[in-house]
């Protein structure tokens, strides 16, 4: 069974629709209340995770289920940089790009990885800004997100897969309910 495809954006349009879709899937497949809530929580966390890492988001979300196996899919296009790529791959259970399974996929992945722009953090305050504390620009040297969504998903999900091809990211969270 495949659910409706829900479009999500960075103004949180579609977030509540995605949770409602998870509720519909749970009701249709007759999940018990506890597993239904887990499916909804997985839905919320996977959407927050993708938005937290990629920043602005326009994504598609859907759920596929076959028997006790549920796969939550999020697909989005993003401007890829090395930090974002590393964060996305750190979310995956295997810590590998699922799009790089075949020989050509591995070659494409290596090529794309070398083409990804490395974001450089500004170390110094521009010279036109006075050096007093009131006008000082504070630059965050560690922009890493807190990882809350990842830790929650890691506890709830069985497998998290990340596939990166160009600027397209596909995230699949799999959970098997008994």
C-alpha atoms as a PDB file:
ATOM      1  CA  UNK A   1       0.000   0.000   0.000  1.00  0.00           C
ATOM      2  CA  UNK A   2       1.247   3.483  -0.831  1.00  0.00           C
ATOM      3  CA  UNK A   3      -0.176   6.571   0.819  1.00  0.00           C
ATOM      4  CA  UNK A   4      -0.955   9.893  -0.795  1.00  0.00           C
ATOM      5  CA  UNK A   5       2.084  12.032  -1.596  1.00  0.00           C
ATOM      6  CA  UNK A   6       2.129  15.113   0.625  1.00  0.00           C
ATOM      7  CA  UNK A   7       4.040  18.260  -0.367  1.00  0.00           C
ATOM      8  CA  UNK A   8       5.904  19.910   2.506  1.00  0.00           C
ATOM      9  CA  UNK A   9       7.488  23.381   2.515  1.00  0.00           C
ATOM     10  CA  UNK A  10       9.570  25.475   4.899  1.00  0.00           C
ATOM     11  CA  UNK A  11       6.520  27.417   6.141  1.00  0.00           C
ATOM     12  CA  UNK A  12       5.370  24.108   7.662  1.00  0.00           C
ATOM     13  CA  UNK A  13       2.615  23.737   5.071  1.00  0.00           C
ATOM     14  CA  UNK A  14       1.937  20.052   4.755  1.00  0.00           C
ATOM     15  CA  UNK A  15       3.415  19.019   8.122  1.00  0.00           C
ATOM     16  CA  UNK A  16      -0.007  18.453   9.707  1.00  0.00           C
ATOM     17  CA  UNK A  17      -1.219  16.799   6.487  1.00  0.00           C
ATOM     18  CA  UNK A  18       1.685  14.351   6.682  1.00  0.00           C
ATOM     19  CA  UNK A  19       0.810  13.449  10.283  1.00  0.00           C
ATOM     20  CA  UNK A  20      -2.844  13.009   9.261  1.00  0.00           C
ATOM     21  CA  UNK A  21      -1.705  10.766   6.420  1.00  0.00           C
ATOM     22  CA  UNK A  22       0.274   8.669   8.917  1.00  0.00           C
ATOM     23  CA  UNK A  23      -2.892   8.384  11.026  1.00  0.00           C
ATOM     24  CA  UNK A  24      -4.867   7.276   7.942  1.00  0.00           C
ATOM     25  CA  UNK A  25      -2.251   4.648   7.067  1.00  0.00           C
ATOM     26  CA  UNK A  26      -2.255   3.382  10.651  1.00  0.00           C
ATOM     27  CA  UNK A  27      -6.060   3.135  10.669  1.00  0.00           C
ATOM     28  CA  UNK A  28      -6.186   1.497   7.226  1.00  0.00           C
ATOM     29  CA  UNK A  29      -3.572  -1.111   8.170  1.00  0.00           C
ATOM     30  CA  UNK A  30      -5.161  -1.564  11.604  1.00  0.00           C
ATOM     31  CA  UNK A  31      -2.124  -0.675  13.708  1.00  0.00           C
ATOM     32  CA  UNK A  32      -2.771  -0.621  17.430  1.00  0.00           C
ATOM     33  CA  UNK A  33      -2.772   2.729  19.230  1.00  0.00           C
ATOM     34  CA  UNK A  34       0.823   2.483  20.469  1.00  0.00           C
ATOM     35  CA  UNK A  35       2.242   1.630  17.026  1.00  0.00           C
ATOM     36  CA  UNK A  36       0.050   4.287  15.424  1.00  0.00           C
ATOM     37  CA  UNK A  37       1.581   6.905  17.729  1.00  0.00           C
ATOM     38  CA  UNK A  38       5.075   5.615  16.901  1.00  0.00           C
ATOM     39  CA  UNK A  39       4.356   5.950  13.185  1.00  0.00           C
ATOM     40  CA  UNK A  40       3.142   9.521  13.720  1.00  0.00           C
ATOM     41  CA  UNK A  41       6.222  10.352  15.821  1.00  0.00           C
ATOM     42  CA  UNK A  42       8.504   8.919  13.127  1.00  0.00           C
ATOM     43  CA  UNK A  43       6.691  11.093  10.580  1.00  0.00           C
ATOM     44  CA  UNK A  44       7.172  14.258  12.642  1.00  0.00           C
ATOM     45  CA  UNK A  45      10.824  13.519  13.377  1.00  0.00           C
ATOM     46  CA  UNK A  46      11.825  12.608   9.816  1.00  0.00           C
ATOM     47  CA  UNK A  47      10.282  15.830   8.486  1.00  0.00           C
ATOM     48  CA  UNK A  48      11.962  17.914  11.200  1.00  0.00           C
ATOM     49  CA  UNK A  49      15.265  16.172  10.557  1.00  0.00           C
ATOM     50  CA  UNK A  50      15.235  16.883   6.828  1.00  0.00           C
ATOM     51  CA  UNK A  51      14.196  20.495   7.387  1.00  0.00           C
ATOM     52  CA  UNK A  52      16.831  20.927  10.111  1.00  0.00           C
ATOM     53  CA  UNK A  53      19.658  19.701   7.915  1.00  0.00           C
ATOM     54  CA  UNK A  54      18.694  21.058   4.508  1.00  0.00           C
ATOM     55  CA  UNK A  55      17.326  24.405   5.695  1.00  0.00           C
ATOM     56  CA  UNK A  56      14.720  25.564   3.226  1.00  0.00           C
ATOM     57  CA  UNK A  57      12.632  22.670   2.130  1.00  0.00           C
ATOM     58  CA  UNK A  58      10.163  21.730  -0.548  1.00  0.00           C
ATOM     59  CA  UNK A  59       9.763  18.008  -0.176  1.00  0.00           C
ATOM     60  CA  UNK A  60       7.494  15.119  -0.994  1.00  0.00           C
ATOM     61  CA  UNK A  61       6.467  12.723   1.776  1.00  0.00           C
ATOM     62  CA  UNK A  62       4.709   9.365   1.532  1.00  0.00           C
ATOM     63  CA  UNK A  63       4.433   6.075   3.378  1.00  0.00           C
ATOM     64  CA  UNK A  64       4.641   2.603   1.888  1.00  0.00           C
ATOM     65  CA  UNK A  65       3.568  -0.449   3.857  1.00  0.00           C
ATOM     66  CA  UNK A  66       3.652  -4.121   3.107  1.00  0.00           C
ATOM     67  CA  UNK A  67       2.593  -6.389   5.919  1.00  0.00           C
ATOM     68  CA  UNK A  68       4.274  -5.283   9.139  1.00  0.00           C
ATOM     69  CA  UNK A  69       6.949  -3.240   7.264  1.00  0.00           C
ATOM     70  CA  UNK A  70       6.449   0.550   7.014  1.00  0.00           C
ATOM     71  CA  UNK A  71       8.737   2.814   4.980  1.00  0.00           C
ATOM     72  CA  UNK A  72       8.488   6.582   5.386  1.00  0.00           C
ATOM     73  CA  UNK A  73       9.937   8.418   2.390  1.00  0.00           C
ATOM     74  CA  UNK A  74      11.017  12.035   2.088  1.00  0.00           C
ATOM     75  CA  UNK A  75      12.428  13.362  -1.170  1.00  0.00           C
ATOM     76  CA  UNK A  76      13.736  16.902  -1.538  1.00  0.00           C
ATOM     77  CA  UNK A  77      16.059  18.973  -3.674  1.00  0.00           C
ATOM     78  CA  UNK A  78      18.698  21.057  -1.920  1.00  0.00           C
ATOM     79  CA  UNK A  79      21.810  23.094  -2.614  1.00  0.00           C
ATOM     80  CA  UNK A  80      24.439  20.635  -1.437  1.00  0.00           C
ATOM     81  CA  UNK A  81      27.612  21.567   0.418  1.00  0.00           C
ATOM     82  CA  UNK A  82      30.120  19.316   2.174  1.00  0.00           C
ATOM     83  CA  UNK A  83      28.766  19.963   5.686  1.00  0.00           C
ATOM     84  CA  UNK A  84      25.190  19.209   4.621  1.00  0.00           C
ATOM     85  CA  UNK A  85      26.283  16.073   2.796  1.00  0.00           C
ATOM     86  CA  UNK A  86      28.217  14.821   5.835  1.00  0.00           C
ATOM     87  CA  UNK A  87      25.290  15.543   8.176  1.00  0.00           C
ATOM     88  CA  UNK A  88      22.879  13.715   5.890  1.00  0.00           C
ATOM     89  CA  UNK A  89      25.136  10.670   5.627  1.00  0.00           C
ATOM     90  CA  UNK A  90      25.697  10.653   9.395  1.00  0.00           C
ATOM     91  CA  UNK A  91      21.951  10.111   9.807  1.00  0.00           C
ATOM     92  CA  UNK A  92      22.009   6.888   7.776  1.00  0.00           C
ATOM     93  CA  UNK A  93      22.261   3.636   9.672  1.00  0.00           C
ATOM     94  CA  UNK A  94      25.062   2.483   7.343  1.00  0.00           C
ATOM     95  CA  UNK A  95      26.594   5.988   7.169  1.00  0.00           C
ATOM     96  CA  UNK A  96      26.814   5.446   3.398  1.00  0.00           C
ATOM     97  CA  UNK A  97      25.123   6.919   0.364  1.00  0.00           C
ATOM     98  CA  UNK A  98      22.535   4.377  -0.807  1.00  0.00           C
ATOM     99  CA  UNK A  99      22.747   5.791  -4.348  1.00  0.00           C
ATOM    100  CA  UNK A 100      26.348   4.544  -4.553  1.00  0.00           C
ATOM    101  CA  UNK A 101      25.614   0.794  -4.614  1.00  0.00           C
ATOM    102  CA  UNK A 102      26.610  -0.045  -8.186  1.00  0.00           C
ATOM    103  CA  UNK A 103      29.971   0.624  -9.829  1.00  0.00           C
ATOM    104  CA  UNK A 104      28.577   3.567 -11.802  1.00  0.00           C
ATOM    105  CA  UNK A 105      26.798   4.802  -8.675  1.00  0.00           C
ATOM    106  CA  UNK A 106      30.099   4.790  -6.774  1.00  0.00           C
ATOM    107  CA  UNK A 107      31.835   6.675  -9.595  1.00  0.00           C
ATOM    108  CA  UNK A 108      29.016   9.232  -9.708  1.00  0.00           C
ATOM    109  CA  UNK A 109      29.174   9.593  -5.915  1.00  0.00           C
ATOM    110  CA  UNK A 110      32.945  10.185  -5.954  1.00  0.00           C
ATOM    111  CA  UNK A 111      32.571  12.732  -8.748  1.00  0.00           C
ATOM    112  CA  UNK A 112      29.721  14.537  -6.979  1.00  0.00           C
ATOM    113  CA  UNK A 113      31.614  14.539  -3.684  1.00  0.00           C
ATOM    114  CA  UNK A 114      34.581  16.270  -5.311  1.00  0.00           C
ATOM    115  CA  UNK A 115      32.260  18.819  -6.910  1.00  0.00           C
ATOM    116  CA  UNK A 116      30.500  19.729  -3.650  1.00  0.00           C
ATOM    117  CA  UNK A 117      31.353  23.185  -2.397  1.00  0.00           C
ATOM    118  CA  UNK A 118      32.942  23.396   1.013  1.00  0.00           C
ATOM    119  CA  UNK A 119      31.363  26.166   3.063  1.00  0.00           C
ATOM    120  CA  UNK A 120      33.936  28.359   4.757  1.00  0.00           C
ATOM    121  CA  UNK A 121      33.133  30.111   7.988  1.00  0.00           C
ATOM    122  CA  UNK A 122      34.211  33.727   8.340  1.00  0.00           C
ATOM    123  CA  UNK A 123      36.923  33.918  10.987  1.00  0.00           C
ATOM    124  CA  UNK A 124      37.310  37.652  11.210  1.00  0.00           C
ATOM    125  CA  UNK A 125      35.019  40.596  11.673  1.00  0.00           C
ATOM    126  CA  UNK A 126      34.883  42.823   8.580  1.00  0.00           C
ATOM    127  CA  UNK A 127      37.201  45.827   8.897  1.00  0.00           C
ATOM    128  CA  UNK A 128      34.390  48.353   8.441  1.00  0.00           C
ATOM    129  CA  UNK A 129      32.725  47.274  11.706  1.00  0.00           C
ATOM    130  CA  UNK A 130      34.168  48.893  14.831  1.00  0.00           C
ATOM    131  CA  UNK A 131      35.802  46.596  17.382  1.00  0.00           C
ATOM    132  CA  UNK A 132      33.490  47.430  20.279  1.00  0.00           C
ATOM    133  CA  UNK A 133      31.339  44.613  21.730  1.00  0.00           C
ATOM    134  CA  UNK A 134      28.034  46.262  20.781  1.00  0.00           C
ATOM    135  CA  UNK A 135      28.745  46.127  17.045  1.00  0.00           C
ATOM    136  CA  UNK A 136      30.668  42.839  17.006  1.00  0.00           C
ATOM    137  CA  UNK A 137      29.394  40.157  14.668  1.00  0.00           C
ATOM    138  CA  UNK A 138      29.322  36.805  16.385  1.00  0.00           C
ATOM    139  CA  UNK A 139      30.076  33.974  14.006  1.00  0.00           C
ATOM    140  CA  UNK A 140      29.110  30.472  15.046  1.00  0.00           C
ATOM    141  CA  UNK A 141      32.129  28.232  14.399  1.00  0.00           C
ATOM    142  CA  UNK A 142      30.185  25.006  14.912  1.00  0.00           C
ATOM    143  CA  UNK A 143      26.907  25.195  12.981  1.00  0.00           C
ATOM    144  CA  UNK A 144      26.113  21.508  13.598  1.00  0.00           C
ATOM    145  CA  UNK A 145      22.491  20.847  14.452  1.00  0.00           C
ATOM    146  CA  UNK A 146      21.758  19.299  17.834  1.00  0.00           C
ATOM    147  CA  UNK A 147      20.845  15.855  16.487  1.00  0.00           C
ATOM    148  CA  UNK A 148      17.674  15.471  18.564  1.00  0.00           C
ATOM    149  CA  UNK A 149      15.619  14.222  15.612  1.00  0.00           C
ATOM    150  CA  UNK A 150      18.336  11.749  14.669  1.00  0.00           C
ATOM    151  CA  UNK A 151      18.552  10.282  18.169  1.00  0.00           C
ATOM    152  CA  UNK A 152      14.762   9.949  18.366  1.00  0.00           C
ATOM    153  CA  UNK A 153      14.553   8.332  14.939  1.00  0.00           C
ATOM    154  CA  UNK A 154      17.448   6.028  15.763  1.00  0.00           C
ATOM    155  CA  UNK A 155      15.500   4.705  18.764  1.00  0.00           C
ATOM    156  CA  UNK A 156      12.210   4.359  16.866  1.00  0.00           C
ATOM    157  CA  UNK A 157      13.311   3.154  13.431  1.00  0.00           C
ATOM    158  CA  UNK A 158      14.902  -0.103  12.381  1.00  0.00           C
ATOM    159  CA  UNK A 159      16.820   1.309   9.408  1.00  0.00           C
ATOM    160  CA  UNK A 160      17.474   4.838   8.103  1.00  0.00           C
ATOM    161  CA  UNK A 161      18.691   5.120   4.510  1.00  0.00           C
ATOM    162  CA  UNK A 162      19.973   8.247   2.792  1.00  0.00           C
ATOM    163  CA  UNK A 163      20.393   8.456  -0.955  1.00  0.00           C
ATOM    164  CA  UNK A 164      22.092  11.526  -2.430  1.00  0.00           C
ATOM    165  CA  UNK A 165      22.260  12.013  -6.178  1.00  0.00           C
ATOM    166  CA  UNK A 166      23.228  15.497  -7.263  1.00  0.00           C
ATOM    167  CA  UNK A 167      21.102  17.871  -5.212  1.00  0.00           C
ATOM    168  CA  UNK A 168      18.304  15.355  -4.681  1.00  0.00           C
ATOM    169  CA  UNK A 169      18.105  13.719  -1.264  1.00  0.00           C
ATOM    170  CA  UNK A 170      15.899  10.686  -0.585  1.00  0.00           C
ATOM    171  CA  UNK A 171      15.527   9.666   3.037  1.00  0.00           C
ATOM    172  CA  UNK A 172      13.797   6.392   3.915  1.00  0.00           C
ATOM    173  CA  UNK A 173      12.949   5.416   7.478  1.00  0.00           C
ATOM    174  CA  UNK A 174      11.914   1.773   7.900  1.00  0.00           C
ATOM    175  CA  UNK A 175      10.038   0.332  10.858  1.00  0.00           C
ATOM    176  CA  UNK A 176       8.617  -3.124  11.309  1.00  0.00           C
ATOM    177  CA  UNK A 177       5.636  -3.366  13.652  1.00  0.00           C
ATOM    178  CA  UNK A 178       4.893  -6.788  15.132  1.00  0.00           C
END
